[in-house]
Each structure stands twice: as C-alpha cells, then as structure tokens.
C-alpha atoms as a PDB file:
ATOM      1  CA  UNK A   1     152.063 113.086 203.694  1.00  0.00           C
ATOM      2  CA  UNK A   2     155.636 113.521 204.721  1.00  0.00           C
ATOM      3  CA  UNK A   3     156.790 116.195 207.105  1.00  0.00           C
ATOM      4  CA  UNK A   4     158.642 118.245 204.487  1.00  0.00           C
ATOM      5  CA  UNK A   5     155.390 118.382 202.334  1.00  0.00           C
ATOM      6  CA  UNK A   6     153.532 119.849 205.358  1.00  0.00           C
ATOM      7  CA  UNK A   7     156.162 122.630 205.705  1.00  0.00           C
ATOM      8  CA  UNK A   8     155.721 123.259 201.930  1.00  0.00           C
ATOM      9  CA  UNK A   9     152.007 123.465 202.557  1.00  0.00           C
ATOM     10  CA  UNK A  10     152.641 126.254 205.007  1.00  0.00           C
ATOM     11  CA  UNK A  11     154.834 128.175 202.574  1.00  0.00           C
ATOM     12  CA  UNK A  12     152.126 127.930 199.880  1.00  0.00           C
ATOM     13  CA  UNK A  13     149.568 129.058 202.486  1.00  0.00           C
ATOM     14  CA  UNK A  14     151.488 132.227 203.155  1.00  0.00           C
ATOM     15  CA  UNK A  15     152.024 133.044 199.358  1.00  0.00           C
ATOM     16  CA  UNK A  16     148.183 132.310 198.775  1.00  0.00           C
ATOM     17  CA  UNK A  17     147.077 134.726 201.504  1.00  0.00           C
ATOM     18  CA  UNK A  18     149.344 137.534 200.725  1.00  0.00           C
ATOM     19  CA  UNK A  19     146.926 139.160 198.265  1.00  0.00           C
ATOM     20  CA  UNK A  20     144.628 139.752 201.173  1.00  0.00           C
ATOM     21  CA  UNK A  21     147.032 142.466 202.408  1.00  0.00           C
ATOM     22  CA  UNK A  22     146.098 144.394 199.350  1.00  0.00           C
ATOM     23  CA  UNK A  23     142.349 144.247 200.217  1.00  0.00           C
ATOM     24  CA  UNK A  24     143.118 145.918 203.588  1.00  0.00           C
ATOM     25  CA  UNK A  25     144.844 148.853 201.835  1.00  0.00           C
ATOM     26  CA  UNK A  26     141.340 150.483 201.004  1.00  0.00           C
ATOM     27  CA  UNK A  27     140.517 150.753 204.792  1.00  0.00           C
ATOM     28  CA  UNK A  28     143.961 151.694 205.746  1.00  0.00           C
ATOM     29  CA  UNK A  29     144.109 154.565 203.032  1.00  0.00           C
ATOM     30  CA  UNK A  30     140.943 156.230 204.567  1.00  0.00           C
ATOM     31  CA  UNK A  31     142.502 155.977 208.088  1.00  0.00           C
ATOM     32  CA  UNK A  32     145.971 157.134 207.001  1.00  0.00           C
ATOM     33  CA  UNK A  33     144.368 159.967 204.963  1.00  0.00           C
ATOM     34  CA  UNK A  34     142.395 161.235 207.986  1.00  0.00           C
ATOM     35  CA  UNK A  35     145.577 160.981 210.186  1.00  0.00           C
ATOM     36  CA  UNK A  36     147.625 162.787 207.529  1.00  0.00           C
ATOM     37  CA  UNK A  37     145.013 165.647 207.566  1.00  0.00           C
ATOM     38  CA  UNK A  38     145.360 166.222 211.260  1.00  0.00           C
ATOM     39  CA  UNK A  39     149.250 165.690 211.115  1.00  0.00           C
ATOM     40  CA  UNK A  40     149.933 168.275 208.604  1.00  0.00           C
ATOM     41  CA  UNK A  41     147.250 170.689 209.897  1.00  0.00           C
ATOM     42  CA  UNK A  42     148.660 170.546 213.465  1.00  0.00           C
ATOM     43  CA  UNK A  43     152.134 171.324 212.317  1.00  0.00           C
ATOM     44  CA  UNK A  44     151.155 174.035 209.983  1.00  0.00           C
ATOM     45  CA  UNK A  45     148.937 175.737 212.465  1.00  0.00           C
ATOM     46  CA  UNK A  46     151.763 175.519 215.166  1.00  0.00           C
ATOM     47  CA  UNK A  47     154.232 177.121 212.748  1.00  0.00           C
ATOM     48  CA  UNK A  48     151.689 179.881 211.748  1.00  0.00           C
ATOM     49  CA  UNK A  49     150.887 180.591 215.474  1.00  0.00           C
ATOM     50  CA  UNK A  50     154.527 180.938 216.338  1.00  0.00           C
ATOM     51  CA  UNK A  51     155.358 183.047 213.183  1.00  0.00           C
ATOM     52  CA  UNK A  52     157.886 180.411 212.117  1.00  0.00           C
ATOM     53  CA  UNK A  53     158.666 179.150 208.561  1.00  0.00           C
ATOM     54  CA  UNK A  54     157.007 175.820 207.706  1.00  0.00           C
ATOM     55  CA  UNK A  55     159.351 172.821 207.727  1.00  0.00           C
ATOM     56  CA  UNK A  56     158.278 170.761 204.743  1.00  0.00           C
ATOM     57  CA  UNK A  57     160.402 167.757 205.300  1.00  0.00           C
ATOM     58  CA  UNK A  58     158.716 166.410 208.441  1.00  0.00           C
ATOM     59  CA  UNK A  59     155.239 166.971 206.489  1.00  0.00           C
ATOM     60  CA  UNK A  60     156.354 164.351 203.884  1.00  0.00           C
ATOM     61  CA  UNK A  61     156.173 161.417 206.386  1.00  0.00           C
ATOM     62  CA  UNK A  62     152.267 160.793 206.007  1.00  0.00           C
ATOM     63  CA  UNK A  63     152.756 160.790 202.109  1.00  0.00           C
ATOM     64  CA  UNK A  64     155.617 158.304 202.325  1.00  0.00           C
ATOM     65  CA  UNK A  65     153.549 156.098 204.524  1.00  0.00           C
ATOM     66  CA  UNK A  66     150.487 156.486 202.163  1.00  0.00           C
ATOM     67  CA  UNK A  67     152.695 155.121 199.211  1.00  0.00           C
ATOM     68  CA  UNK A  68     153.753 152.205 201.353  1.00  0.00           C
ATOM     69  CA  UNK A  69     149.980 151.423 202.139  1.00  0.00           C
ATOM     70  CA  UNK A  70     149.021 151.753 198.429  1.00  0.00           C
ATOM     71  CA  UNK A  71     151.636 149.285 197.277  1.00  0.00           C
ATOM     72  CA  UNK A  72     152.052 147.368 200.392  1.00  0.00           C
ATOM     73  CA  UNK A  73     152.447 143.863 199.032  1.00  0.00           C
ATOM     74  CA  UNK A  74     155.244 144.984 196.678  1.00  0.00           C
ATOM     75  CA  UNK A  75     157.138 147.662 198.325  1.00  0.00           C
ATOM     76  CA  UNK A  76     156.876 146.642 202.064  1.00  0.00           C
ATOM     77  CA  UNK A  77     156.363 142.673 201.885  1.00  0.00           C
ATOM     78  CA  UNK A  78     158.243 142.268 198.782  1.00  0.00           C
ATOM     79  CA  UNK A  79     161.300 144.245 199.946  1.00  0.00           C
ATOM     80  CA  UNK A  80     161.498 142.506 203.458  1.00  0.00           C
ATOM     81  CA  UNK A  81     160.971 139.153 202.115  1.00  0.00           C
ATOM     82  CA  UNK A  82     163.687 139.635 199.347  1.00  0.00           C
ATOM     83  CA  UNK A  83     166.214 140.731 202.004  1.00  0.00           C
ATOM     84  CA  UNK A  84     165.385 137.856 204.474  1.00  0.00           C
ATOM     85  CA  UNK A  85     164.873 134.980 201.923  1.00  0.00           C
ATOM     86  CA  UNK A  86     168.524 134.465 201.438  1.00  0.00           C
ATOM     87  CA  UNK A  87     168.989 133.807 205.113  1.00  0.00           C
ATOM     88  CA  UNK A  88     166.306 131.184 204.982  1.00  0.00           C
ATOM     89  CA  UNK A  89     167.804 129.591 201.862  1.00  0.00           C
ATOM     90  CA  UNK A  90     171.275 129.484 203.324  1.00  0.00           C
ATOM     91  CA  UNK A  91     170.268 127.837 206.610  1.00  0.00           C
ATOM     92  CA  UNK A  92     168.051 125.387 204.915  1.00  0.00           C
ATOM     93  CA  UNK A  93     171.018 124.268 202.592  1.00  0.00           C
ATOM     94  CA  UNK A  94     173.075 123.682 205.723  1.00  0.00           C
ATOM     95  CA  UNK A  95     170.287 121.541 207.261  1.00  0.00           C
ATOM     96  CA  UNK A  96     169.920 119.477 203.922  1.00  0.00           C
ATOM     97  CA  UNK A  97     173.626 118.519 203.852  1.00  0.00           C
ATOM     98  CA  UNK A  98     173.779 117.490 207.418  1.00  0.00           C
ATOM     99  CA  UNK A  99     170.547 115.462 207.110  1.00  0.00           C
ATOM    100  CA  UNK A 100     171.856 113.657 203.978  1.00  0.00           C
ATOM    101  CA  UNK A 101     175.102 112.679 205.959  1.00  0.00           C
ATOM    102  CA  UNK A 102     173.105 111.543 208.845  1.00  0.00           C
ATOM    103  CA  UNK A 103     170.849 109.279 206.844  1.00  0.00           C
ATOM    104  CA  UNK A 104     173.734 107.496 205.130  1.00  0.00           C
ATOM    105  CA  UNK A 105     175.715 107.120 208.329  1.00  0.00           C
ATOM    106  CA  UNK A 106     172.498 105.588 209.960  1.00  0.00           C
ATOM    107  CA  UNK A 107     172.147 102.970 207.429  1.00  0.00           C
ATOM    108  CA  UNK A 108     175.842 102.086 207.687  1.00  0.00           C
ATOM    109  CA  UNK A 109     175.644 101.842 211.356  1.00  0.00           C
ATOM    110  CA  UNK A 110     172.489  99.585 211.253  1.00  0.00           C
ATOM    111  CA  UNK A 111     174.184  97.218 208.841  1.00  0.00           C
ATOM    112  CA  UNK A 112     177.310  96.988 211.004  1.00  0.00           C
ATOM    113  CA  UNK A 113     175.148  96.294 214.163  1.00  0.00           C
ATOM    114  CA  UNK A 114     173.379  93.537 212.290  1.00  0.00           C
ATOM    115  CA  UNK A 115     176.798  91.987 211.249  1.00  0.00           C
ATOM    116  CA  UNK A 116     178.184  92.387 214.848  1.00  0.00           C
ATOM    117  CA  UNK A 117     175.073  90.589 216.224  1.00  0.00           C
ATOM    118  CA  UNK A 118     175.462  87.744 213.699  1.00  0.00           C
ATOM    119  CA  UNK A 119     179.111  87.431 214.521  1.00  0.00           C
ATOM    120  CA  UNK A 120     178.363  86.746 218.258  1.00  0.00           C
ATOM    121  CA  UNK A 121     177.183  83.200 218.709  1.00  0.00           C
ATOM    122  CA  UNK A 122     175.054  84.195 221.710  1.00  0.00           C
ATOM    123  CA  UNK A 123     172.959  86.654 219.787  1.00  0.00           C
ATOM    124  CA  UNK A 124     173.189  85.420 216.099  1.00  0.00           C
ATOM    125  CA  UNK A 125     170.150  83.258 216.436  1.00  0.00           C
ATOM    126  CA  UNK A 126     168.086  86.099 217.783  1.00  0.00           C
ATOM    127  CA  UNK A 127     168.580  88.412 214.713  1.00  0.00           C
ATOM    128  CA  UNK A 128     169.124  85.993 211.939  1.00  0.00           C
ATOM    129  CA  UNK A 129     166.508  83.318 210.877  1.00  0.00           C
ATOM    130  CA  UNK A 130     169.237  81.305 209.136  1.00  0.00           C
ATOM    131  CA  UNK A 131     171.417  81.174 212.233  1.00  0.00           C
ATOM    132  CA  UNK A 132     168.330  80.270 214.222  1.00  0.00           C
ATOM    133  CA  UNK A 133     167.318  77.436 211.934  1.00  0.00           C
ATOM    134  CA  UNK A 134     171.008  76.196 211.882  1.00  0.00           C
ATOM    135  CA  UNK A 135     171.274  76.131 215.558  1.00  0.00           C
ATOM    136  CA  UNK A 136     168.098  74.144 215.787  1.00  0.00           C
ATOM    137  CA  UNK A 137     169.451  71.569 213.314  1.00  0.00           C
ATOM    138  CA  UNK A 138     172.538  71.063 215.513  1.00  0.00           C
ATOM    139  CA  UNK A 139     170.330  70.083 218.415  1.00  0.00           C
ATOM    140  CA  UNK A 140     168.913  66.570 219.001  1.00  0.00           C
ATOM    141  CA  UNK A 141     165.664  65.424 220.463  1.00  0.00           C
ATOM    142  CA  UNK A 142     166.729  64.594 224.027  1.00  0.00           C
ATOM    143  CA  UNK A 143     164.906  66.296 226.882  1.00  0.00           C
ATOM    144  CA  UNK A 144     167.992  68.695 227.519  1.00  0.00           C
ATOM    145  CA  UNK A 145     167.938  69.690 223.768  1.00  0.00           C
ATOM    146  CA  UNK A 146     164.168  70.151 223.787  1.00  0.00           C
ATOM    147  CA  UNK A 147     164.597  72.447 226.882  1.00  0.00           C
ATOM    148  CA  UNK A 148     167.285  74.307 225.058  1.00  0.00           C
ATOM    149  CA  UNK A 149     165.021  74.783 222.033  1.00  0.00           C
ATOM    150  CA  UNK A 150     162.256  76.111 224.279  1.00  0.00           C
ATOM    151  CA  UNK A 151     164.629  78.461 225.836  1.00  0.00           C
ATOM    152  CA  UNK A 152     165.768  79.676 222.355  1.00  0.00           C
ATOM    153  CA  UNK A 153     162.269  80.291 221.347  1.00  0.00           C
ATOM    154  CA  UNK A 154     161.654  82.336 224.535  1.00  0.00           C
ATOM    155  CA  UNK A 155     164.944  84.329 224.207  1.00  0.00           C
ATOM    156  CA  UNK A 156     164.055  85.121 220.586  1.00  0.00           C
ATOM    157  CA  UNK A 157     160.549  86.120 221.380  1.00  0.00           C
ATOM    158  CA  UNK A 158     161.697  88.226 224.255  1.00  0.00           C
ATOM    159  CA  UNK A 159     164.280  90.011 222.056  1.00  0.00           C
ATOM    160  CA  UNK A 160     161.730  90.712 219.396  1.00  0.00           C
ATOM    161  CA  UNK A 161     159.262  92.193 221.795  1.00  0.00           C
ATOM    162  CA  UNK A 162     161.893  94.271 223.475  1.00  0.00           C
ATOM    163  CA  UNK A 163     163.129  95.563 220.060  1.00  0.00           C
ATOM    164  CA  UNK A 164     159.602  96.336 219.089  1.00  0.00           C
ATOM    165  CA  UNK A 165     159.117  98.350 222.207  1.00  0.00           C
ATOM    166  CA  UNK A 166     162.309 100.345 221.726  1.00  0.00           C
ATOM    167  CA  UNK A 167     161.521 100.921 218.015  1.00  0.00           C
ATOM    168  CA  UNK A 168     157.968 102.086 219.113  1.00  0.00           C
ATOM    169  CA  UNK A 169     159.354 104.612 221.751  1.00  0.00           C
ATOM    170  CA  UNK A 170     161.979 105.771 219.279  1.00  0.00           C
ATOM    171  CA  UNK A 171     159.379 106.409 216.472  1.00  0.00           C
ATOM    172  CA  UNK A 172     157.144 108.286 219.129  1.00  0.00           C
ATOM    173  CA  UNK A 173     160.069 110.425 219.926  1.00  0.00           C
ATOM    174  CA  UNK A 174     160.640 111.069 216.268  1.00  0.00           C
ATOM    175  CA  UNK A 175     157.044 111.965 215.695  1.00  0.00           C
ATOM    176  CA  UNK A 176     157.091 114.379 218.721  1.00  0.00           C
ATOM    177  CA  UNK A 177     160.348 115.915 217.377  1.00  0.00           C
ATOM    178  CA  UNK A 178     158.776 116.477 213.906  1.00  0.00           C
ATOM    179  CA  UNK A 179     155.502 117.749 215.420  1.00  0.00           C
ATOM    180  CA  UNK A 180     157.471 120.331 217.612  1.00  0.00           C
ATOM    181  CA  UNK A 181     159.111 121.676 214.493  1.00  0.00           C
ATOM    182  CA  UNK A 182     155.813 121.679 212.660  1.00  0.00           C
ATOM    183  CA  UNK A 183     154.031 123.650 215.576  1.00  0.00           C
ATOM    184  CA  UNK A 184     156.830 126.397 215.522  1.00  0.00           C
ATOM    185  CA  UNK A 185     156.496 126.526 211.653  1.00  0.00           C
ATOM    186  CA  UNK A 186     152.618 126.834 211.883  1.00  0.00           C
ATOM    187  CA  UNK A 187     152.720 129.379 214.606  1.00  0.00           C
ATOM    188  CA  UNK A 188     155.302 131.284 212.603  1.00  0.00           C
ATOM    189  CA  UNK A 189     153.201 131.244 209.364  1.00  0.00           C
ATOM    190  CA  UNK A 190     150.011 132.393 211.484  1.00  0.00           C
ATOM    191  CA  UNK A 191     151.937 135.320 212.925  1.00  0.00           C
ATOM    192  CA  UNK A 192     153.394 136.301 209.462  1.00  0.00           C
ATOM    193  CA  UNK A 193     149.966 136.215 207.903  1.00  0.00           C
ATOM    194  CA  UNK A 194     148.416 138.363 210.464  1.00  0.00           C
ATOM    195  CA  UNK A 195     151.201 140.832 210.306  1.00  0.00           C
ATOM    196  CA  UNK A 196     151.024 140.906 206.622  1.00  0.00           C
ATOM    197  CA  UNK A 197     147.287 141.296 206.269  1.00  0.00           C
ATOM    198  CA  UNK A 198     146.880 143.849 208.987  1.00  0.00           C
ATOM    199  CA  UNK A 199     150.252 145.565 208.128  1.00  0.00           C
ATOM    200  CA  UNK A 200     148.541 148.437 205.997  1.00  0.00           C
ATOM    201  CA  UNK A 201     146.445 149.152 209.224  1.00  0.00           C
ATOM    202  CA  UNK A 202     149.495 149.298 211.274  1.00  0.00           C
ATOM    203  CA  UNK A 203     151.160 151.766 208.829  1.00  0.00           C
ATOM    204  CA  UNK A 204     147.841 153.950 208.808  1.00  0.00           C
ATOM    205  CA  UNK A 205     147.848 154.222 212.574  1.00  0.00           C
ATOM    206  CA  UNK A 206     151.393 155.203 212.708  1.00  0.00           C
ATOM    207  CA  UNK A 207     150.487 158.321 210.827  1.00  0.00           C
ATOM    208  CA  UNK A 208     148.705 159.586 213.854  1.00  0.00           C
ATOM    209  CA  UNK A 209     150.360 161.414 216.573  1.00  0.00           C
ATOM    210  CA  UNK A 210     151.216 159.266 219.594  1.00  0.00           C
ATOM    211  CA  UNK A 211     151.299 156.154 217.525  1.00  0.00           C
ATOM    212  CA  UNK A 212     154.495 156.454 215.588  1.00  0.00           C
ATOM    213  CA  UNK A 213     156.155 153.532 217.423  1.00  0.00           C
ATOM    214  CA  UNK A 214     153.545 151.275 215.794  1.00  0.00           C
ATOM    215  CA  UNK A 215     155.550 151.227 212.588  1.00  0.00           C
ATOM    216  CA  UNK A 216     158.792 150.229 214.401  1.00  0.00           C
ATOM    217  CA  UNK A 217     157.037 147.497 216.365  1.00  0.00           C
ATOM    218  CA  UNK A 218     155.462 146.147 213.200  1.00  0.00           C
ATOM    219  CA  UNK A 219     158.979 145.915 211.508  1.00  0.00           C
ATOM    220  CA  UNK A 220     160.705 144.328 214.455  1.00  0.00           C
ATOM    221  CA  UNK A 221     158.030 141.879 215.104  1.00  0.00           C
ATOM    222  CA  UNK A 222     157.777 140.765 211.518  1.00  0.00           C
ATOM    223  CA  UNK A 223     161.597 140.388 211.190  1.00  0.00           C
ATOM    224  CA  UNK A 224     161.644 138.522 214.471  1.00  0.00           C
ATOM    225  CA  UNK A 225     158.954 135.985 213.529  1.00  0.00           C
ATOM    226  CA  UNK A 226     160.520 135.669 210.025  1.00  0.00           C
ATOM    227  CA  UNK A 227     163.767 134.562 211.542  1.00  0.00           C
ATOM    228  CA  UNK A 228     162.132 131.739 213.496  1.00  0.00           C
ATOM    229  CA  UNK A 229     162.633 129.371 210.351  1.00  0.00           C
ATOM    230  CA  UNK A 230     166.295 130.120 209.948  1.00  0.00           C
ATOM    231  CA  UNK A 231     167.011 129.638 213.675  1.00  0.00           C
ATOM    232  CA  UNK A 232     165.012 126.385 213.583  1.00  0.00           C
ATOM    233  CA  UNK A 233     167.078 125.113 210.654  1.00  0.00           C
ATOM    234  CA  UNK A 234     170.297 125.959 212.504  1.00  0.00           C
ATOM    235  CA  UNK A 235     169.154 124.209 215.623  1.00  0.00           C
ATOM    236  CA  UNK A 236     168.123 121.124 213.552  1.00  0.00           C
ATOM    237  CA  UNK A 237     171.588 121.279 211.828  1.00  0.00           C
ATOM    238  CA  UNK A 238     173.331 121.229 215.144  1.00  0.00           C
ATOM    239  CA  UNK A 239     171.353 118.240 216.331  1.00  0.00           C
ATOM    240  CA  UNK A 240     172.067 116.371 213.124  1.00  0.00           C
ATOM    241  CA  UNK A 241     175.775 117.187 213.501  1.00  0.00           C
ATOM    242  CA  UNK A 242     175.888 115.830 216.931  1.00  0.00           C
ATOM    243  CA  UNK A 243     174.165 112.665 215.863  1.00  0.00           C
ATOM    244  CA  UNK A 244     176.585 112.416 212.973  1.00  0.00           C
ATOM    245  CA  UNK A 245     179.519 112.486 215.289  1.00  0.00           C
ATOM    246  CA  UNK A 246     178.053 110.033 217.566  1.00  0.00           C
ATOM    247  CA  UNK A 247     177.263 107.718 214.489  1.00  0.00           C
ATOM    248  CA  UNK A 248     180.861 108.086 213.233  1.00  0.00           C
ATOM    249  CA  UNK A 249     182.129 106.999 216.788  1.00  0.00           C
ATOM    250  CA  UNK A 250     179.762 104.033 216.932  1.00  0.00           C
ATOM    251  CA  UNK A 251     180.756 102.966 213.413  1.00  0.00           C
ATOM    252  CA  UNK A 252     184.455 103.222 214.306  1.00  0.00           C
ATOM    253  CA  UNK A 253     183.853 100.856 217.297  1.00  0.00           C
ATOM    254  CA  UNK A 254     181.730  98.346 215.243  1.00  0.00           C
ATOM    255  CA  UNK A 255     184.788  97.756 212.987  1.00  0.00           C
ATOM    256  CA  UNK A 256     186.314  95.959 215.936  1.00  0.00           C
ATOM    257  CA  UNK A 257     185.141  92.272 215.713  1.00  0.00           C
ATOM    258  CA  UNK A 258     185.194  91.903 219.565  1.00  0.00           C
ATOM    259  CA  UNK A 259     183.014  94.812 220.116  1.00  0.00           C
ATOM    260  CA  UNK A 260     179.309  94.241 221.267  1.00  0.00           C
ATOM    261  CA  UNK A 261     177.017  96.941 220.286  1.00  0.00           C
ATOM    262  CA  UNK A 262     174.609  98.663 222.509  1.00  0.00           C
ATOM    263  CA  UNK A 263     171.255  98.445 220.856  1.00  0.00           C
ATOM    264  CA  UNK A 264     169.292 100.489 223.427  1.00  0.00           C
ATOM    265  CA  UNK A 265     169.870 103.853 221.519  1.00  0.00           C
ATOM    266  CA  UNK A 266     170.024 105.628 224.890  1.00  0.00           C
ATOM    267  CA  UNK A 267     172.050 108.475 223.587  1.00  0.00           C
ATOM    268  CA  UNK A 268     169.837 108.911 220.524  1.00  0.00           C
ATOM    269  CA  UNK A 269     166.689 109.034 222.770  1.00  0.00           C
ATOM    270  CA  UNK A 270     168.408 111.687 224.962  1.00  0.00           C
ATOM    271  CA  UNK A 271     169.140 113.933 222.092  1.00  0.00           C
ATOM    272  CA  UNK A 272     165.582 113.580 220.580  1.00  0.00           C
ATOM    273  CA  UNK A 273     164.245 114.844 224.091  1.00  0.00           C
ATOM    274  CA  UNK A 274     166.656 117.618 223.876  1.00  0.00           C
ATOM    275  CA  UNK A 275     165.497 118.458 220.505  1.00  0.00           C
ATOM    276  CA  UNK A 276     161.873 118.451 221.441  1.00  0.00           C
ATOM    277  CA  UNK A 277     162.415 120.852 224.340  1.00  0.00           C
ATOM    278  CA  UNK A 278     164.900 122.998 222.352  1.00  0.00           C
ATOM    279  CA  UNK A 279     162.528 123.703 219.552  1.00  0.00           C
ATOM    280  CA  UNK A 280     160.165 125.760 222.005  1.00  0.00           C
ATOM    281  CA  UNK A 281     163.113 127.928 222.763  1.00  0.00           C
ATOM    282  CA  UNK A 282     163.450 129.192 219.208  1.00  0.00           C
ATOM    283  CA  UNK A 283     161.297 132.275 219.835  1.00  0.00           C
ATOM    284  CA  UNK A 284     163.373 133.288 222.762  1.00  0.00           C
ATOM    285  CA  UNK A 285     166.696 132.927 220.765  1.00  0.00           C
ATOM    286  CA  UNK A 286     165.200 134.812 217.950  1.00  0.00           C
ATOM    287  CA  UNK A 287     164.305 137.564 220.421  1.00  0.00           C
ATOM    288  CA  UNK A 288     167.933 137.919 221.120  1.00  0.00           C
ATOM    289  CA  UNK A 289     168.735 138.666 217.443  1.00  0.00           C
ATOM    290  CA  UNK A 290     166.222 141.371 217.175  1.00  0.00           C
ATOM    291  CA  UNK A 291     164.168 142.780 220.090  1.00  0.00           C
ATOM    292  CA  UNK A 292     160.338 142.538 219.637  1.00  0.00           C
ATOM    293  CA  UNK A 293     158.015 143.180 222.527  1.00  0.00           C
ATOM    294  CA  UNK A 294     154.519 141.949 223.164  1.00  0.00           C
ATOM    295  CA  UNK A 295     155.043 138.169 223.315  1.00  0.00           C
ATOM    296  CA  UNK A 296     155.170 137.733 227.039  1.00  0.00           C
ATOM    297  CA  UNK A 297     152.136 135.406 227.349  1.00  0.00           C
ATOM    298  CA  UNK A 298     153.130 133.496 224.279  1.00  0.00           C
ATOM    299  CA  UNK A 299     156.571 132.945 225.562  1.00  0.00           C
ATOM    300  CA  UNK A 300     155.203 131.787 228.945  1.00  0.00           C
ATOM    301  CA  UNK A 301     152.858 129.299 227.365  1.00  0.00           C
ATOM    302  CA  UNK A 302     155.691 127.938 225.111  1.00  0.00           C
ATOM    303  CA  UNK A 303     157.857 127.466 228.146  1.00  0.00           C
ATOM    304  CA  UNK A 304     155.003 125.510 230.037  1.00  0.00           C
ATOM    305  CA  UNK A 305     154.532 123.381 226.929  1.00  0.00           C
ATOM    306  CA  UNK A 306     158.098 122.576 226.619  1.00  0.00           C
ATOM    307  CA  UNK A 307     158.398 121.660 230.332  1.00  0.00           C
ATOM    308  CA  UNK A 308     155.305 119.318 229.940  1.00  0.00           C
ATOM    309  CA  UNK A 309     156.813 117.739 226.775  1.00  0.00           C
ATOM    310  CA  UNK A 310     160.115 117.161 228.642  1.00  0.00           C
ATOM    311  CA  UNK A 311     158.548 115.578 231.549  1.00  0.00           C
ATOM    312  CA  UNK A 312     156.520 113.153 229.312  1.00  0.00           C
ATOM    313  CA  UNK A 313     159.516 112.250 227.355  1.00  0.00           C
ATOM    314  CA  UNK A 314     161.683 111.877 230.217  1.00  0.00           C
ATOM    315  CA  UNK A 315     159.231 109.631 231.959  1.00  0.00           C
ATOM    316  CA  UNK A 316     158.926 107.460 228.884  1.00  0.00           C
ATOM    317  CA  UNK A 317     162.794 107.445 228.613  1.00  0.00           C
ATOM    318  CA  UNK A 318     163.085 106.407 232.296  1.00  0.00           C
ATOM    319  CA  UNK A 319     160.522 103.541 231.755  1.00  0.00           C
ATOM    320  CA  UNK A 320     162.649 102.081 228.865  1.00  0.00           C
ATOM    321  CA  UNK A 321     165.880 102.486 230.647  1.00  0.00           C
ATOM    322  CA  UNK A 322     164.343 100.755 233.695  1.00  0.00           C
ATOM    323  CA  UNK A 323     163.186  97.963 231.281  1.00  0.00           C
ATOM    324  CA  UNK A 324     166.690  97.493 229.793  1.00  0.00           C
ATOM    325  CA  UNK A 325     168.311  97.530 233.294  1.00  0.00           C
ATOM    326  CA  UNK A 326     165.870  94.766 234.394  1.00  0.00           C
ATOM    327  CA  UNK A 327     166.730  92.623 231.400  1.00  0.00           C
ATOM    328  CA  UNK A 328     170.508  93.147 232.122  1.00  0.00           C
ATOM    329  CA  UNK A 329     170.124  92.071 235.857  1.00  0.00           C
ATOM    330  CA  UNK A 330     168.334  89.012 234.625  1.00  0.00           C
END
C-alpha cells in the first residue's frame, strides 16, 4: 500500500467515526439540561432578589448550546469543516504541483548522470555492461592484461556495493521521511476524532458556570489540530521546491560534457534529515497561527522524538560521508 493510500485511509477513518458524535448527544443533552436549569434559575433568582428586571438575552445561551448539541455533526462539525476544508484543498494542490515537477526533474537528472558516467572512460565500464564487455575485448591474455581485468572486476564490484549502500541509506531516509508525515497525520486524526466525539460533552459542560471557557478551548484546539495538515503540506511543498532548485542546478551542470557528477547525493540526504526533524515542529508552527493550550507534554515528547530522529539520521549520514571520504582518499 502506497503512502498516499495510508493518508486516504485516515481521512476515511475520520468520516466513518463522525456519526459517533451524535451518539454522545444524548448524554450531553442531559448534562446540558441540568446545567441550563441551574444557569437560568440562578440569574432569575438574582434579578428577583435585587428587584431588577430580568435580562432575557443572556438566558438564551443555554438554549443555543442545546441546539448545537442536538445537531452537533451538522451544525458544529459540518460548519467548521466546510470553512477549513478549502484551506486543506488549496495547500494540497500546491504540494501536488511541486511533487510532479520534482519527479520529472529527478528522472531527467538520473538519465543525465548515467550519460555523464558513460562518457567518462574511467567510469563507463562500471555503469554500463556494454562498455565493460567492450573494454574486456580490447585486452589480451598477457599477465598484465589479466591483472587489469581483475582490477576492473574489483572496481566494478566495489562501485556496485557502494552504490547499493547509498541507495539503501537513501531509501531508509525516504521511509523515515514518509513515516514522520504519517505519524503527524495519524496523531492529527486521533485528536480530531476525540474532539469530535466528545465535543457535545464539552458543549454541555460549558453551560455550567465556571466552565464557559471550555467552549472556546474546544474551538481553538479543534481548529489548531485541523490546520496541522495544511501546514504539513506547505512544509512538504517547501522541501520539494528546494529539491527542485537543486535538481535544476545539477541538470544545468550535467549539460557540460566535461562535468563529472557527484553521485553521493549528500545534499539530498541533508534535506531528508531536515524534513524528518521539521515534520515534528508542525504542531508548534500551528500553535503560532491559533493559540491552543493544553499540549505541553505532547509538544515536549514531540521535541524529544525529533531530537532522537535527528541524532540517528545524522549518525547514518556521517557514516556514509566517512565511507565516501575513505574511497576518495584511496
């Protein structure tokens, strides 16, 4: 199953569990009704005891919250999601355009790198079977030629092993990069499901005196968590754009017949590490857009996870860089 399909599964999971919010409405209506009774009775008793006219407008608040609880999936969740969904759609379209350009440029660069390696007589036999067989045919069977053949086989084998290690580490970083995005999306979906299912309870508690801020906190947290996905798409778009600019520069250099390409992909590895760490900063960035309290422990755990991921990735990148440096010294 591809990564995009996993993200689609999370979207379907959210939609499938939304009807459960309606099941909580029965409990919430009883809690809100009892709170409304005390809310109205207290204010009416205060007005009578002070011989003041009863202000009806503040007394409508419990009834408005009761209507929201009764039709919570439609009035509350439907309205919020309808307002925020265009933001998700817009940022996702930006990401898709960047990824399409990146894939096309990556294929073009790989082809140009292969052609550049084939043009170089010192590296052509290592990447092309045809050039390898041709160079073997040019050699004789003298002792010096046999030593040259053995050296060619060893160089070709060493190149293939080194390339396999680089590709393995690159694939590992790509998996970690996609996994970081999936972790953020999974946590986001879990938070949204919890907030949606228990939303009627939050509305019912806000009817009671002293708990009015519960309603505001619920709205801010729901919107803040919902915006994780647009911020994640913008971050991915930025990384894709940076890689696109790097690929365009490499392609321009590969046009030069005398240019020898660097196949270590060091810059690509560095940006993959940056992306892995950067994904875990998305909740913090979203908190700058809309303030939502209560996530201190979660943010601390996210920061620790990002630090550990950066240390592991950096250690791997250092090992690969050391291997490349050792080969160059040889």
